[in-house]
Amino acid sequence: MKAVVFDLDGTLVDSLPGIEASVRFALSRALPGTAMPDLRSAVGPPIATMFARLWPELDPDGLARLLAEFRSHYDAGGCLLSEPYPGVRETLPALGGSLFVLTNKPVNPSRRILKHLGLLDFFTDVMAPDAITPPYASKPDGARLLQERFGLLPAETALVGDGPDDARAAEACGFRFIAASYGYGQVAEATPLNQFSDIERFLL
Protein backbone atom coordinates (compact mmCIF):
# COMPACT_ATOMS: atom_id res chain seq x y z
CA MET A 1 0.00 0.00 0.00
CA LYS A 2 1.45 3.33 -1.07
CA ALA A 3 -1.38 5.39 0.46
CA VAL A 4 -3.61 4.98 3.50
CA VAL A 5 -6.79 6.99 4.16
CA PHE A 6 -7.93 7.13 7.79
CA ASP A 7 -11.27 8.01 9.29
CA LEU A 8 -10.85 10.35 12.28
CA ASP A 9 -13.46 9.66 15.00
CA GLY A 10 -13.33 6.07 16.16
CA THR A 11 -10.22 5.25 14.12
CA LEU A 12 -7.43 7.71 14.91
CA VAL A 13 -8.94 9.41 17.94
CA ASP A 14 -11.46 8.70 20.66
CA SER A 15 -13.53 11.85 20.31
CA LEU A 16 -16.36 10.68 22.55
CA PRO A 17 -15.30 12.66 25.68
CA GLY A 18 -15.42 15.95 23.79
CA ILE A 19 -18.65 15.14 21.97
CA GLU A 20 -20.32 14.12 25.23
CA ALA A 21 -19.22 17.33 26.96
CA SER A 22 -20.51 19.48 24.12
CA VAL A 23 -23.81 17.58 23.80
CA ARG A 24 -24.36 17.96 27.55
CA PHE A 25 -23.76 21.72 27.23
CA ALA A 26 -26.05 21.99 24.19
CA LEU A 27 -28.87 20.15 25.94
CA SER A 28 -28.60 22.39 29.00
CA ARG A 29 -28.96 25.47 26.81
CA ALA A 30 -31.39 24.35 24.10
CA LEU A 31 -33.35 21.50 25.73
CA PRO A 32 -33.04 21.86 29.52
CA GLY A 33 -34.23 18.82 31.42
CA THR A 34 -33.56 16.43 28.52
CA ALA A 35 -31.78 13.23 29.55
CA MET A 36 -28.29 12.68 28.22
CA PRO A 37 -28.36 9.70 25.83
CA ASP A 38 -25.69 7.04 25.36
CA LEU A 39 -23.71 8.46 22.47
CA ARG A 40 -21.16 5.71 21.79
CA SER A 41 -23.27 3.87 19.23
CA ALA A 42 -24.48 7.15 17.67
CA VAL A 43 -21.07 8.69 16.86
CA GLY A 44 -19.99 8.55 13.24
CA PRO A 45 -22.34 10.48 10.97
CA PRO A 46 -22.32 14.30 10.82
CA ILE A 47 -23.53 15.86 14.07
CA ALA A 48 -26.73 17.20 12.48
CA THR A 49 -27.59 13.67 11.31
CA MET A 50 -26.75 12.23 14.73
CA PHE A 51 -28.99 14.77 16.48
CA ALA A 52 -31.86 14.13 14.07
CA ARG A 53 -31.65 10.39 14.84
CA LEU A 54 -31.39 10.90 18.61
CA TRP A 55 -34.23 13.45 18.82
CA PRO A 56 -36.54 12.80 15.84
CA GLU A 57 -39.31 14.81 17.53
CA LEU A 58 -37.38 18.08 17.14
CA ASP A 59 -38.57 20.52 14.50
CA PRO A 60 -35.95 22.16 12.24
CA ASP A 61 -35.67 25.26 14.47
CA GLY A 62 -35.11 23.14 17.59
CA LEU A 63 -32.52 21.05 15.81
CA ALA A 64 -30.76 24.19 14.58
CA ARG A 65 -30.61 25.65 18.12
CA LEU A 66 -29.22 22.41 19.51
CA LEU A 67 -26.62 22.22 16.76
CA ALA A 68 -25.58 25.85 17.24
CA GLU A 69 -25.06 25.38 20.99
CA PHE A 70 -23.09 22.20 20.35
CA ARG A 71 -20.86 23.92 17.81
CA SER A 72 -20.17 26.90 20.07
CA HIS A 73 -18.93 24.60 22.84
CA TYR A 74 -17.17 22.02 20.66
CA ASP A 75 -15.32 24.53 18.51
CA ALA A 76 -14.33 26.62 21.54
CA GLY A 77 -12.48 23.72 23.15
CA GLY A 78 -14.64 20.65 23.53
CA CYS A 79 -12.95 19.11 20.51
CA LEU A 80 -9.61 19.18 22.35
CA LEU A 81 -10.86 16.55 24.80
CA SER A 82 -10.24 13.95 22.07
CA GLU A 83 -7.46 11.44 22.70
CA PRO A 84 -5.48 9.34 20.21
CA TYR A 85 -6.09 5.62 20.41
CA PRO A 86 -3.22 3.58 21.88
CA GLY A 87 -0.48 3.06 19.34
CA VAL A 88 -1.44 5.87 16.97
CA ARG A 89 1.45 8.20 17.83
CA GLU A 90 3.97 5.37 17.71
CA THR A 91 2.69 3.65 14.57
CA LEU A 92 1.98 6.48 12.12
CA PRO A 93 5.68 7.44 11.66
CA ALA A 94 6.48 3.84 10.71
CA LEU A 95 3.88 3.48 7.97
CA GLY A 96 5.59 5.39 5.18
CA GLY A 97 3.78 6.31 1.99
CA SER A 98 1.13 9.02 1.81
CA LEU A 99 -1.36 9.30 4.68
CA PHE A 100 -4.73 11.08 4.56
CA VAL A 101 -7.68 11.80 6.84
CA LEU A 102 -11.26 11.51 5.57
CA THR A 103 -13.89 12.68 8.06
CA ASN A 104 -17.49 13.82 8.43
CA LYS A 105 -16.33 16.42 10.96
CA PRO A 106 -15.82 20.04 9.77
CA VAL A 107 -12.28 20.76 8.66
CA ASN A 108 -11.30 23.35 11.30
CA PRO A 109 -11.95 21.23 14.42
CA SER A 110 -10.52 18.21 12.59
CA ARG A 111 -7.23 19.94 11.90
CA ARG A 112 -7.25 21.52 15.36
CA ILE A 113 -7.64 18.11 17.03
CA LEU A 114 -4.84 16.60 14.95
CA LYS A 115 -2.54 19.55 15.61
CA HIS A 116 -3.30 19.54 19.35
CA LEU A 117 -2.41 15.83 19.51
CA GLY A 118 0.77 16.26 17.47
CA LEU A 119 -0.58 14.22 14.54
CA LEU A 120 -1.32 16.78 11.82
CA ASP A 121 2.11 16.71 10.19
CA PHE A 122 1.82 13.00 9.42
CA PHE A 123 -0.96 13.65 6.88
CA THR A 124 -0.75 14.94 3.34
CA ASP A 125 -4.33 16.23 3.46
CA VAL A 126 -7.42 16.34 5.68
CA MET A 127 -10.58 15.88 3.63
CA ALA A 128 -13.75 17.14 5.32
CA PRO A 129 -17.15 18.11 3.87
CA ASP A 130 -16.53 21.86 4.17
CA ALA A 131 -12.97 21.65 2.87
CA ILE A 132 -14.47 22.37 -0.56
CA THR A 133 -17.29 24.59 -1.87
CA PRO A 134 -19.98 23.41 -2.06
CA PRO A 135 -19.45 20.80 0.68
CA TYR A 136 -19.54 17.20 -0.44
CA ALA A 137 -22.59 15.20 0.59
CA SER A 138 -21.15 11.83 1.68
CA LYS A 139 -17.93 10.04 2.57
CA PRO A 140 -17.82 8.22 -0.78
CA ASP A 141 -17.84 11.66 -2.42
CA GLY A 142 -14.97 12.76 -0.17
CA ALA A 143 -13.01 9.61 -0.98
CA ARG A 144 -13.47 10.20 -4.70
CA LEU A 145 -12.18 13.76 -4.29
CA LEU A 146 -9.06 12.47 -2.54
CA GLN A 147 -8.62 9.86 -5.23
CA GLU A 148 -8.85 12.41 -8.03
CA ARG A 149 -6.79 15.09 -6.30
CA PHE A 150 -3.85 12.82 -5.45
CA GLY A 151 -4.14 10.13 -8.10
CA LEU A 152 -4.72 7.35 -5.56
CA LEU A 153 -4.65 3.96 -7.30
CA PRO A 154 -7.13 1.36 -6.01
CA ALA A 155 -4.55 -1.44 -5.90
CA GLU A 156 -2.18 0.71 -3.83
CA THR A 157 -4.59 2.41 -1.40
CA ALA A 158 -6.24 1.27 1.83
CA LEU A 159 -9.00 2.99 3.79
CA VAL A 160 -9.22 2.41 7.54
CA GLY A 161 -12.47 3.19 9.37
CA ASP A 162 -15.00 2.00 11.90
CA GLY A 163 -18.32 2.76 10.22
CA PRO A 164 -20.48 1.62 7.29
CA ASP A 165 -19.88 4.93 5.51
CA ASP A 166 -16.12 4.19 5.60
CA ALA A 167 -16.74 0.80 3.99
CA ARG A 168 -18.91 2.45 1.32
CA ALA A 169 -16.22 5.07 0.67
CA ALA A 170 -13.60 2.37 0.15
CA GLU A 171 -15.91 0.42 -2.16
CA ALA A 172 -16.71 3.53 -4.21
CA CYS A 173 -13.02 3.99 -5.01
CA GLY A 174 -11.93 0.37 -5.15
CA PHE A 175 -9.69 0.83 -2.10
CA ARG A 176 -8.91 -2.00 0.29
CA PHE A 177 -11.05 -1.56 3.42
CA ILE A 178 -9.68 -2.24 6.90
CA ALA A 179 -12.29 -2.25 9.70
CA ALA A 180 -11.22 -0.63 12.98
CA SER A 181 -13.21 -2.86 15.31
CA TYR A 182 -12.08 -0.94 18.40
CA GLY A 183 -14.02 2.15 17.25
CA TYR A 184 -17.68 3.15 17.52
CA GLY A 185 -19.11 1.59 14.39
CA GLN A 186 -20.38 -1.89 13.70
CA VAL A 187 -18.71 -3.08 10.51
CA ALA A 188 -18.49 -6.78 9.74
CA GLU A 189 -15.04 -7.80 8.57
CA ALA A 190 -13.44 -11.24 8.42
CA THR A 191 -10.13 -9.97 9.78
CA PRO A 192 -10.86 -6.82 11.83
CA LEU A 193 -8.21 -4.45 13.11
CA ASN A 194 -8.45 -4.98 16.88
CA GLN A 195 -5.87 -2.35 17.83
CA PHE A 196 -4.28 0.45 15.85
CA SER A 197 -0.73 -0.86 16.12
CA ASP A 198 -1.77 -3.93 14.09
CA ILE A 199 -2.15 -1.74 11.00
CA GLU A 200 1.42 -2.46 9.89
CA ARG A 201 0.64 -6.18 9.63
CA PHE A 202 -2.54 -5.47 7.65
CA LEU A 203 -0.71 -3.25 5.17
CA LEU A 204 2.05 -5.79 4.66
C-alpha atoms as a PDB file:
ATOM      1  CA  MET A   1       0.000   0.000   0.000  1.00  0.00           C
ATOM      2  CA  LYS A   2       1.446   3.334  -1.067  1.00  0.00           C
ATOM      3  CA  ALA A   3      -1.379   5.392   0.458  1.00  0.00           C
ATOM      4  CA  VAL A   4      -3.614   4.981   3.505  1.00  0.00           C
ATOM      5  CA  VAL A   5      -6.791   6.985   4.163  1.00  0.00           C
ATOM      6  CA  PHE A   6      -7.928   7.131   7.792  1.00  0.00           C
ATOM      7  CA  ASP A   7     -11.270   8.006   9.292  1.00  0.00           C
ATOM      8  CA  LEU A   8     -10.852  10.351  12.278  1.00  0.00           C
ATOM      9  CA  ASP A   9     -13.456   9.665  14.999  1.00  0.00           C
ATOM     10  CA  GLY A  10     -13.335   6.072  16.158  1.00  0.00           C
ATOM     11  CA  THR A  11     -10.216   5.247  14.121  1.00  0.00           C
ATOM     12  CA  LEU A  12      -7.433   7.707  14.906  1.00  0.00           C
ATOM     13  CA  VAL A  13      -8.940   9.414  17.938  1.00  0.00           C
ATOM     14  CA  ASP A  14     -11.461   8.704  20.657  1.00  0.00           C
ATOM     15  CA  SER A  15     -13.530  11.855  20.306  1.00  0.00           C
ATOM     16  CA  LEU A  16     -16.365  10.676  22.546  1.00  0.00           C
ATOM     17  CA  PRO A  17     -15.300  12.659  25.679  1.00  0.00           C
ATOM     18  CA  GLY A  18     -15.422  15.955  23.786  1.00  0.00           C
ATOM     19  CA  ILE A  19     -18.651  15.139  21.974  1.00  0.00           C
ATOM     20  CA  GLU A  20     -20.322  14.118  25.226  1.00  0.00           C
ATOM     21  CA  ALA A  21     -19.219  17.329  26.959  1.00  0.00           C
ATOM     22  CA  SER A  22     -20.510  19.480  24.119  1.00  0.00           C
ATOM     23  CA  VAL A  23     -23.808  17.584  23.803  1.00  0.00           C
ATOM     24  CA  ARG A  24     -24.358  17.965  27.554  1.00  0.00           C
ATOM     25  CA  PHE A  25     -23.764  21.720  27.232  1.00  0.00           C
ATOM     26  CA  ALA A  26     -26.047  21.990  24.188  1.00  0.00           C
ATOM     27  CA  LEU A  27     -28.867  20.149  25.937  1.00  0.00           C
ATOM     28  CA  SER A  28     -28.600  22.388  29.000  1.00  0.00           C
ATOM     29  CA  ARG A  29     -28.955  25.470  26.805  1.00  0.00           C
ATOM     30  CA  ALA A  30     -31.386  24.352  24.096  1.00  0.00           C
ATOM     31  CA  LEU A  31     -33.350  21.505  25.731  1.00  0.00           C
ATOM     32  CA  PRO A  32     -33.036  21.862  29.516  1.00  0.00           C
ATOM     33  CA  GLY A  33     -34.226  18.821  31.417  1.00  0.00           C
ATOM     34  CA  THR A  34     -33.562  16.428  28.519  1.00  0.00           C
ATOM     35  CA  ALA A  35     -31.784  13.233  29.549  1.00  0.00           C
ATOM     36  CA  MET A  36     -28.287  12.678  28.216  1.00  0.00           C
ATOM     37  CA  PRO A  37     -28.361   9.700  25.828  1.00  0.00           C
ATOM     38  CA  ASP A  38     -25.689   7.040  25.358  1.00  0.00           C
ATOM     39  CA  LEU A  39     -23.711   8.463  22.466  1.00  0.00           C
ATOM     40  CA  ARG A  40     -21.160   5.706  21.789  1.00  0.00           C
ATOM     41  CA  SER A  41     -23.268   3.870  19.226  1.00  0.00           C
ATOM     42  CA  ALA A  42     -24.479   7.146  17.670  1.00  0.00           C
ATOM     43  CA  VAL A  43     -21.072   8.689  16.863  1.00  0.00           C
ATOM     44  CA  GLY A  44     -19.987   8.554  13.243  1.00  0.00           C
ATOM     45  CA  PRO A  45     -22.340  10.484  10.967  1.00  0.00           C
ATOM     46  CA  PRO A  46     -22.316  14.297  10.824  1.00  0.00           C
ATOM     47  CA  ILE A  47     -23.532  15.861  14.071  1.00  0.00           C
ATOM     48  CA  ALA A  48     -26.735  17.196  12.481  1.00  0.00           C
ATOM     49  CA  THR A  49     -27.591  13.672  11.313  1.00  0.00           C
ATOM     50  CA  MET A  50     -26.747  12.231  14.726  1.00  0.00           C
ATOM     51  CA  PHE A  51     -28.987  14.774  16.482  1.00  0.00           C
ATOM     52  CA  ALA A  52     -31.865  14.129  14.073  1.00  0.00           C
ATOM     53  CA  ARG A  53     -31.650  10.393  14.840  1.00  0.00           C
ATOM     54  CA  LEU A  54     -31.391  10.896  18.609  1.00  0.00           C
ATOM     55  CA  TRP A  55     -34.228  13.455  18.820  1.00  0.00           C
ATOM     56  CA  PRO A  56     -36.544  12.801  15.838  1.00  0.00           C
ATOM     57  CA  GLU A  57     -39.310  14.809  17.526  1.00  0.00           C
ATOM     58  CA  LEU A  58     -37.381  18.081  17.141  1.00  0.00           C
ATOM     59  CA  ASP A  59     -38.568  20.522  14.503  1.00  0.00           C
ATOM     60  CA  PRO A  60     -35.946  22.163  12.238  1.00  0.00           C
ATOM     61  CA  ASP A  61     -35.668  25.257  14.470  1.00  0.00           C
ATOM     62  CA  GLY A  62     -35.113  23.143  17.586  1.00  0.00           C
ATOM     63  CA  LEU A  63     -32.524  21.050  15.812  1.00  0.00           C
ATOM     64  CA  ALA A  64     -30.755  24.191  14.583  1.00  0.00           C
ATOM     65  CA  ARG A  65     -30.610  25.649  18.122  1.00  0.00           C
ATOM     66  CA  LEU A  66     -29.216  22.411  19.513  1.00  0.00           C
ATOM     67  CA  LEU A  67     -26.625  22.225  16.762  1.00  0.00           C
ATOM     68  CA  ALA A  68     -25.576  25.853  17.244  1.00  0.00           C
ATOM     69  CA  GLU A  69     -25.064  25.375  20.991  1.00  0.00           C
ATOM     70  CA  PHE A  70     -23.087  22.203  20.353  1.00  0.00           C
ATOM     71  CA  ARG A  71     -20.865  23.919  17.807  1.00  0.00           C
ATOM     72  CA  SER A  72     -20.166  26.902  20.072  1.00  0.00           C
ATOM     73  CA  HIS A  73     -18.931  24.597  22.839  1.00  0.00           C
ATOM     74  CA  TYR A  74     -17.169  22.017  20.661  1.00  0.00           C
ATOM     75  CA  ASP A  75     -15.317  24.530  18.506  1.00  0.00           C
ATOM     76  CA  ALA A  76     -14.327  26.618  21.536  1.00  0.00           C
ATOM     77  CA  GLY A  77     -12.477  23.715  23.145  1.00  0.00           C
ATOM     78  CA  GLY A  78     -14.644  20.649  23.531  1.00  0.00           C
ATOM     79  CA  CYS A  79     -12.950  19.109  20.514  1.00  0.00           C
ATOM     80  CA  LEU A  80      -9.614  19.183  22.350  1.00  0.00           C
ATOM     81  CA  LEU A  81     -10.856  16.546  24.801  1.00  0.00           C
ATOM     82  CA  SER A  82     -10.238  13.954  22.070  1.00  0.00           C
ATOM     83  CA  GLU A  83      -7.462  11.436  22.696  1.00  0.00           C
ATOM     84  CA  PRO A  84      -5.482   9.338  20.214  1.00  0.00           C
ATOM     85  CA  TYR A  85      -6.091   5.619  20.412  1.00  0.00           C
ATOM     86  CA  PRO A  86      -3.220   3.576  21.876  1.00  0.00           C
ATOM     87  CA  GLY A  87      -0.475   3.056  19.338  1.00  0.00           C
ATOM     88  CA  VAL A  88      -1.438   5.874  16.972  1.00  0.00           C
ATOM     89  CA  ARG A  89       1.454   8.196  17.829  1.00  0.00           C
ATOM     90  CA  GLU A  90       3.972   5.367  17.713  1.00  0.00           C
ATOM     91  CA  THR A  91       2.692   3.648  14.567  1.00  0.00           C
ATOM     92  CA  LEU A  92       1.979   6.482  12.119  1.00  0.00           C
ATOM     93  CA  PRO A  93       5.676   7.436  11.656  1.00  0.00           C
ATOM     94  CA  ALA A  94       6.478   3.842  10.711  1.00  0.00           C
ATOM     95  CA  LEU A  95       3.883   3.478   7.969  1.00  0.00           C
ATOM     96  CA  GLY A  96       5.592   5.393   5.177  1.00  0.00           C
ATOM     97  CA  GLY A  97       3.779   6.306   1.989  1.00  0.00           C
ATOM     98  CA  SER A  98       1.131   9.022   1.813  1.00  0.00           C
ATOM     99  CA  LEU A  99      -1.356   9.297   4.675  1.00  0.00           C
ATOM    100  CA  PHE A 100      -4.731  11.084   4.555  1.00  0.00           C
ATOM    101  CA  VAL A 101      -7.683  11.803   6.835  1.00  0.00           C
ATOM    102  CA  LEU A 102     -11.263  11.511   5.571  1.00  0.00           C
ATOM    103  CA  THR A 103     -13.893  12.684   8.058  1.00  0.00           C
ATOM    104  CA  ASN A 104     -17.493  13.823   8.430  1.00  0.00           C
ATOM    105  CA  LYS A 105     -16.325  16.424  10.957  1.00  0.00           C
ATOM    106  CA  PRO A 106     -15.820  20.040   9.774  1.00  0.00           C
ATOM    107  CA  VAL A 107     -12.279  20.755   8.661  1.00  0.00           C
ATOM    108  CA  ASN A 108     -11.302  23.352  11.301  1.00  0.00           C
ATOM    109  CA  PRO A 109     -11.948  21.227  14.422  1.00  0.00           C
ATOM    110  CA  SER A 110     -10.518  18.214  12.590  1.00  0.00           C
ATOM    111  CA  ARG A 111      -7.233  19.940  11.902  1.00  0.00           C
ATOM    112  CA  ARG A 112      -7.252  21.519  15.357  1.00  0.00           C
ATOM    113  CA  ILE A 113      -7.635  18.110  17.035  1.00  0.00           C
ATOM    114  CA  LEU A 114      -4.836  16.603  14.948  1.00  0.00           C
ATOM    115  CA  LYS A 115      -2.545  19.549  15.612  1.00  0.00           C
ATOM    116  CA  HIS A 116      -3.302  19.536  19.353  1.00  0.00           C
ATOM    117  CA  LEU A 117      -2.412  15.829  19.511  1.00  0.00           C
ATOM    118  CA  GLY A 118       0.768  16.263  17.467  1.00  0.00           C
ATOM    119  CA  LEU A 119      -0.580  14.216  14.541  1.00  0.00           C
ATOM    120  CA  LEU A 120      -1.321  16.784  11.822  1.00  0.00           C
ATOM    121  CA  ASP A 121       2.115  16.708  10.192  1.00  0.00           C
ATOM    122  CA  PHE A 122       1.818  13.000   9.419  1.00  0.00           C
ATOM    123  CA  PHE A 123      -0.962  13.651   6.883  1.00  0.00           C
ATOM    124  CA  THR A 124      -0.755  14.940   3.339  1.00  0.00           C
ATOM    125  CA  ASP A 125      -4.334  16.229   3.458  1.00  0.00           C
ATOM    126  CA  VAL A 126      -7.419  16.337   5.681  1.00  0.00           C
ATOM    127  CA  MET A 127     -10.576  15.884   3.626  1.00  0.00           C
ATOM    128  CA  ALA A 128     -13.749  17.138   5.322  1.00  0.00           C
ATOM    129  CA  PRO A 129     -17.151  18.109   3.872  1.00  0.00           C
ATOM    130  CA  ASP A 130     -16.528  21.859   4.175  1.00  0.00           C
ATOM    131  CA  ALA A 131     -12.970  21.649   2.870  1.00  0.00           C
ATOM    132  CA  ILE A 132     -14.465  22.366  -0.558  1.00  0.00           C
ATOM    133  CA  THR A 133     -17.286  24.586  -1.870  1.00  0.00           C
ATOM    134  CA  PRO A 134     -19.982  23.411  -2.056  1.00  0.00           C
ATOM    135  CA  PRO A 135     -19.446  20.799   0.680  1.00  0.00           C
ATOM    136  CA  TYR A 136     -19.542  17.205  -0.439  1.00  0.00           C
ATOM    137  CA  ALA A 137     -22.593  15.196   0.592  1.00  0.00           C
ATOM    138  CA  SER A 138     -21.148  11.834   1.675  1.00  0.00           C
ATOM    139  CA  LYS A 139     -17.932  10.041   2.572  1.00  0.00           C
ATOM    140  CA  PRO A 140     -17.816   8.217  -0.777  1.00  0.00           C
ATOM    141  CA  ASP A 141     -17.842  11.664  -2.416  1.00  0.00           C
ATOM    142  CA  GLY A 142     -14.966  12.761  -0.166  1.00  0.00           C
ATOM    143  CA  ALA A 143     -13.012   9.608  -0.979  1.00  0.00           C
ATOM    144  CA  ARG A 144     -13.474  10.202  -4.703  1.00  0.00           C
ATOM    145  CA  LEU A 145     -12.183  13.758  -4.293  1.00  0.00           C
ATOM    146  CA  LEU A 146      -9.056  12.471  -2.545  1.00  0.00           C
ATOM    147  CA  GLN A 147      -8.616   9.860  -5.234  1.00  0.00           C
ATOM    148  CA  GLU A 148      -8.852  12.414  -8.031  1.00  0.00           C
ATOM    149  CA  ARG A 149      -6.786  15.090  -6.300  1.00  0.00           C
ATOM    150  CA  PHE A 150      -3.849  12.825  -5.447  1.00  0.00           C
ATOM    151  CA  GLY A 151      -4.139  10.129  -8.103  1.00  0.00           C
ATOM    152  CA  LEU A 152      -4.722   7.351  -5.564  1.00  0.00           C
ATOM    153  CA  LEU A 153      -4.648   3.965  -7.300  1.00  0.00           C
ATOM    154  CA  PRO A 154      -7.131   1.361  -6.015  1.00  0.00           C
ATOM    155  CA  ALA A 155      -4.554  -1.435  -5.895  1.00  0.00           C
ATOM    156  CA  GLU A 156      -2.183   0.707  -3.830  1.00  0.00           C
ATOM    157  CA  THR A 157      -4.587   2.413  -1.401  1.00  0.00           C
ATOM    158  CA  ALA A 158      -6.236   1.268   1.831  1.00  0.00           C
ATOM    159  CA  LEU A 159      -9.003   2.994   3.789  1.00  0.00           C
ATOM    160  CA  VAL A 160      -9.217   2.413   7.537  1.00  0.00           C
ATOM    161  CA  GLY A 161     -12.467   3.192   9.371  1.00  0.00           C
ATOM    162  CA  ASP A 162     -14.999   1.998  11.899  1.00  0.00           C
ATOM    163  CA  GLY A 163     -18.321   2.757  10.224  1.00  0.00           C
ATOM    164  CA  PRO A 164     -20.478   1.624   7.293  1.00  0.00           C
ATOM    165  CA  ASP A 165     -19.876   4.928   5.507  1.00  0.00           C
ATOM    166  CA  ASP A 166     -16.124   4.191   5.599  1.00  0.00           C
ATOM    167  CA  ALA A 167     -16.736   0.799   3.991  1.00  0.00           C
ATOM    168  CA  ARG A 168     -18.913   2.454   1.323  1.00  0.00           C
ATOM    169  CA  ALA A 169     -16.217   5.072   0.670  1.00  0.00           C
ATOM    170  CA  ALA A 170     -13.599   2.369   0.151  1.00  0.00           C
ATOM    171  CA  GLU A 171     -15.909   0.423  -2.160  1.00  0.00           C
ATOM    172  CA  ALA A 172     -16.709   3.529  -4.211  1.00  0.00           C
ATOM    173  CA  CYS A 173     -13.021   3.993  -5.012  1.00  0.00           C
ATOM    174  CA  GLY A 174     -11.926   0.368  -5.155  1.00  0.00           C
ATOM    175  CA  PHE A 175      -9.695   0.833  -2.099  1.00  0.00           C
ATOM    176  CA  ARG A 176      -8.912  -1.999   0.289  1.00  0.00           C
ATOM    177  CA  PHE A 177     -11.048  -1.555   3.417  1.00  0.00           C
ATOM    178  CA  ILE A 178      -9.684  -2.244   6.903  1.00  0.00           C
ATOM    179  CA  ALA A 179     -12.288  -2.251   9.704  1.00  0.00           C
ATOM    180  CA  ALA A 180     -11.218  -0.626  12.980  1.00  0.00           C
ATOM    181  CA  SER A 181     -13.210  -2.864  15.305  1.00  0.00           C
ATOM    182  CA  TYR A 182     -12.080  -0.936  18.404  1.00  0.00           C
ATOM    183  CA  GLY A 183     -14.022   2.150  17.249  1.00  0.00           C
ATOM    184  CA  TYR A 184     -17.676   3.148  17.521  1.00  0.00           C
ATOM    185  CA  GLY A 185     -19.112   1.592  14.390  1.00  0.00           C
ATOM    186  CA  GLN A 186     -20.385  -1.889  13.699  1.00  0.00           C
ATOM    187  CA  VAL A 187     -18.714  -3.085  10.506  1.00  0.00           C
ATOM    188  CA  ALA A 188     -18.492  -6.783   9.736  1.00  0.00           C
ATOM    189  CA  GLU A 189     -15.038  -7.801   8.571  1.00  0.00           C
ATOM    190  CA  ALA A 190     -13.441 -11.241   8.415  1.00  0.00           C
ATOM    191  CA  THR A 191     -10.127  -9.969   9.781  1.00  0.00           C
ATOM    192  CA  PRO A 192     -10.861  -6.823  11.827  1.00  0.00           C
ATOM    193  CA  LEU A 193      -8.210  -4.454  13.112  1.00  0.00           C
ATOM    194  CA  ASN A 194      -8.453  -4.978  16.881  1.00  0.00           C
ATOM    195  CA  GLN A 195      -5.868  -2.348  17.832  1.00  0.00           C
ATOM    196  CA  PHE A 196      -4.282   0.446  15.848  1.00  0.00           C
ATOM    197  CA  SER A 197      -0.725  -0.862  16.122  1.00  0.00           C
ATOM    198  CA  ASP A 198      -1.773  -3.934  14.092  1.00  0.00           C
ATOM    199  CA  ILE A 199      -2.148  -1.739  11.003  1.00  0.00           C
ATOM    200  CA  GLU A 200       1.424  -2.456   9.886  1.00  0.00           C
ATOM    201  CA  ARG A 201       0.637  -6.177   9.633  1.00  0.00           C
ATOM    202  CA  PHE A 202      -2.540  -5.469   7.648  1.00  0.00           C
ATOM    203  CA  LEU A 203      -0.713  -3.252   5.172  1.00  0.00           C
ATOM    204  CA  LEU A 204       2.052  -5.790   4.659  1.00  0.00           C
END
